[in-house]
Amino acid sequence: MGDKSQRRLPDGRIVYDPRGTVTVEPLPLAPRPAALDGIRLGVLDNTKWNASKLLRQVVASLEADVTFAGIRHYAKSSFSRVAPEDLLERIAAENDAVITAIGD
């Protein structure tokens, strides 16, 4: 069988594997800031209610211990879409660190 998502068992039955195959090029992680005090923090909201709620709580918790140079908020147009390249470039240019969340 040429399709890797299908397997034939010894008794002849065909089993479909719905996981598929993902191929990606590994990328190095961005360097972490040595400290959070004084950095510019970006907050990317994916527009899901629970994610927004979680992000607000995380930022409030961080602000209790950290003095940021600034906090900028951004939002994707839809949680089901990838953020546009120009938005990602803007976020990277305007911030030293970014947080985002998925909350369902």
C-alpha atoms as a PDB file:
ATOM      1  CA  MET A   1       0.000   0.000   0.000  1.00  0.00           C
ATOM      2  CA  GLY A   2       1.420   3.368  -0.988  1.00  0.00           C
ATOM      3  CA  ASP A   3      -0.711   5.461   1.391  1.00  0.00           C
ATOM      4  CA  LYS A   4       1.123   5.674   4.737  1.00  0.00           C
ATOM      5  CA  SER A   5      -2.118   6.593   6.527  1.00  0.00           C
ATOM      6  CA  GLN A   6      -3.390   3.045   5.896  1.00  0.00           C
ATOM      7  CA  ARG A   7      -2.009  -0.155   7.392  1.00  0.00           C
ATOM      8  CA  ARG A   8      -2.940  -3.739   6.645  1.00  0.00           C
ATOM      9  CA  LEU A   9      -3.234  -6.013   9.663  1.00  0.00           C
ATOM     10  CA  PRO A  10      -2.033  -9.652   9.476  1.00  0.00           C
ATOM     11  CA  ASP A  11      -5.649 -10.794   9.073  1.00  0.00           C
ATOM     12  CA  GLY A  12      -6.082  -8.544   6.003  1.00  0.00           C
ATOM     13  CA  ARG A  13      -8.126  -5.758   7.595  1.00  0.00           C
ATOM     14  CA  ILE A  14      -7.132  -2.216   6.638  1.00  0.00           C
ATOM     15  CA  VAL A  15      -6.682   0.321   9.446  1.00  0.00           C
ATOM     16  CA  TYR A  16      -6.716   4.038   8.750  1.00  0.00           C
ATOM     17  CA  ASP A  17      -4.395   6.197  10.877  1.00  0.00           C
ATOM     18  CA  PRO A  18      -5.961   9.703  11.055  1.00  0.00           C
ATOM     19  CA  ARG A  19      -2.858  11.336  12.564  1.00  0.00           C
ATOM     20  CA  GLY A  20      -1.258  11.943   9.190  1.00  0.00           C
ATOM     21  CA  THR A  21       2.326  13.045   8.776  1.00  0.00           C
ATOM     22  CA  VAL A  22       3.768  16.438   9.601  1.00  0.00           C
ATOM     23  CA  THR A  23       7.083  17.576   8.227  1.00  0.00           C
ATOM     24  CA  VAL A  24       8.636  20.786   9.523  1.00  0.00           C
ATOM     25  CA  GLU A  25      12.007  22.419   9.529  1.00  0.00           C
ATOM     26  CA  PRO A  26      13.188  22.812  13.132  1.00  0.00           C
ATOM     27  CA  LEU A  27      13.847  26.414  14.124  1.00  0.00           C
ATOM     28  CA  PRO A  28      15.886  27.588  17.096  1.00  0.00           C
ATOM     29  CA  LEU A  29      14.011  29.183  19.987  1.00  0.00           C
ATOM     30  CA  ALA A  30      14.297  32.932  20.414  1.00  0.00           C
ATOM     31  CA  PRO A  31      16.730  34.005  23.116  1.00  0.00           C
ATOM     32  CA  ARG A  32      15.083  34.665  26.482  1.00  0.00           C
ATOM     33  CA  PRO A  33      15.520  38.053  28.133  1.00  0.00           C
ATOM     34  CA  ALA A  34      17.812  37.974  31.185  1.00  0.00           C
ATOM     35  CA  ALA A  35      15.173  39.877  33.189  1.00  0.00           C
ATOM     36  CA  LEU A  36      11.653  41.146  32.594  1.00  0.00           C
ATOM     37  CA  ASP A  37      12.022  44.555  34.265  1.00  0.00           C
ATOM     38  CA  GLY A  38      12.273  47.284  31.644  1.00  0.00           C
ATOM     39  CA  ILE A  39      11.284  45.198  28.618  1.00  0.00           C
ATOM     40  CA  ARG A  40       8.535  45.999  26.136  1.00  0.00           C
ATOM     41  CA  LEU A  41       5.846  43.308  26.466  1.00  0.00           C
ATOM     42  CA  GLY A  42       3.529  42.359  23.641  1.00  0.00           C
ATOM     43  CA  VAL A  43       0.245  40.555  24.291  1.00  0.00           C
ATOM     44  CA  LEU A  44      -1.296  38.715  21.331  1.00  0.00           C
ATOM     45  CA  ASP A  45      -4.980  37.922  21.832  1.00  0.00           C
ATOM     46  CA  ASN A  46      -6.426  35.207  19.604  1.00  0.00           C
ATOM     47  CA  THR A  47      -9.964  36.612  20.201  1.00  0.00           C
ATOM     48  CA  LYS A  48     -11.281  33.640  22.190  1.00  0.00           C
ATOM     49  CA  TRP A  49     -13.004  34.739  25.384  1.00  0.00           C
ATOM     50  CA  ASN A  50     -11.129  32.402  27.741  1.00  0.00           C
ATOM     51  CA  ALA A  51      -7.782  33.243  26.134  1.00  0.00           C
ATOM     52  CA  SER A  52      -8.476  36.957  26.604  1.00  0.00           C
ATOM     53  CA  LYS A  53      -9.431  36.356  30.225  1.00  0.00           C
ATOM     54  CA  LEU A  54      -6.275  34.291  30.836  1.00  0.00           C
ATOM     55  CA  LEU A  55      -4.049  36.917  29.207  1.00  0.00           C
ATOM     56  CA  ARG A  56      -5.556  39.718  31.321  1.00  0.00           C
ATOM     57  CA  GLN A  57      -4.891  37.705  34.479  1.00  0.00           C
ATOM     58  CA  VAL A  58      -1.322  36.823  33.441  1.00  0.00           C
ATOM     59  CA  VAL A  59      -0.497  40.449  32.640  1.00  0.00           C
ATOM     60  CA  ALA A  60      -1.994  41.620  35.959  1.00  0.00           C
ATOM     61  CA  SER A  61       0.031  38.983  37.812  1.00  0.00           C
ATOM     62  CA  LEU A  62       3.239  39.964  36.021  1.00  0.00           C
ATOM     63  CA  GLU A  63       2.667  43.671  36.668  1.00  0.00           C
ATOM     64  CA  ALA A  64       2.565  42.956  40.411  1.00  0.00           C
ATOM     65  CA  ASP A  65       6.254  41.962  40.262  1.00  0.00           C
ATOM     66  CA  VAL A  66       7.650  43.487  37.072  1.00  0.00           C
ATOM     67  CA  THR A  67       7.988  47.058  35.803  1.00  0.00           C
ATOM     68  CA  PHE A  68       7.613  46.968  32.016  1.00  0.00           C
ATOM     69  CA  ALA A  69       8.819  49.737  29.705  1.00  0.00           C
ATOM     70  CA  GLY A  70       5.477  49.308  27.971  1.00  0.00           C
ATOM     71  CA  ILE A  71       2.748  46.811  27.209  1.00  0.00           C
ATOM     72  CA  ARG A  72       1.198  46.654  23.757  1.00  0.00           C
ATOM     73  CA  HIS A  73      -1.904  44.637  22.950  1.00  0.00           C
ATOM     74  CA  TYR A  74      -2.614  43.026  19.587  1.00  0.00           C
ATOM     75  CA  ALA A  75      -5.445  40.838  18.329  1.00  0.00           C
ATOM     76  CA  LYS A  76      -5.752  38.320  15.549  1.00  0.00           C
ATOM     77  CA  SER A  77      -8.811  38.695  13.331  1.00  0.00           C
ATOM     78  CA  SER A  78      -9.918  35.148  14.169  1.00  0.00           C
ATOM     79  CA  PHE A  79      -8.712  32.407  16.483  1.00  0.00           C
ATOM     80  CA  SER A  80      -8.945  29.942  13.607  1.00  0.00           C
ATOM     81  CA  ARG A  81      -6.567  31.874  11.352  1.00  0.00           C
ATOM     82  CA  VAL A  82      -2.814  32.334  11.456  1.00  0.00           C
ATOM     83  CA  ALA A  83      -1.764  35.861  12.340  1.00  0.00           C
ATOM     84  CA  PRO A  84      -0.841  37.797   9.186  1.00  0.00           C
ATOM     85  CA  GLU A  85       2.883  38.126   8.491  1.00  0.00           C
ATOM     86  CA  ASP A  86       2.769  41.934   8.722  1.00  0.00           C
ATOM     87  CA  LEU A  87       1.197  41.734  12.200  1.00  0.00           C
ATOM     88  CA  LEU A  88       3.857  39.263  13.356  1.00  0.00           C
ATOM     89  CA  GLU A  89       6.619  41.502  11.992  1.00  0.00           C
ATOM     90  CA  ARG A  90       5.107  44.527  13.751  1.00  0.00           C
ATOM     91  CA  ILE A  91       4.867  42.625  17.043  1.00  0.00           C
ATOM     92  CA  ALA A  92       8.501  41.463  16.737  1.00  0.00           C
ATOM     93  CA  ALA A  93       9.717  44.996  15.962  1.00  0.00           C
ATOM     94  CA  GLU A  94       7.779  46.693  18.775  1.00  0.00           C
ATOM     95  CA  ASN A  95       8.431  44.254  21.645  1.00  0.00           C
ATOM     96  CA  ASP A  96      11.175  42.404  23.498  1.00  0.00           C
ATOM     97  CA  ALA A  97       8.924  39.535  24.604  1.00  0.00           C
ATOM     98  CA  VAL A  98       5.410  38.400  23.682  1.00  0.00           C
ATOM     99  CA  ILE A  99       2.824  36.281  25.407  1.00  0.00           C
ATOM    100  CA  THR A 100      -0.211  34.639  23.877  1.00  0.00           C
ATOM    101  CA  ALA A 101      -2.679  31.997  25.030  1.00  0.00           C
ATOM    102  CA  ILE A 102      -5.243  29.483  23.926  1.00  0.00           C
ATOM    103  CA  GLY A 103      -8.175  29.155  26.297  1.00  0.00           C
ATOM    104  CA  ASP A 104     -11.129  26.907  25.637  1.00  0.00           C
END
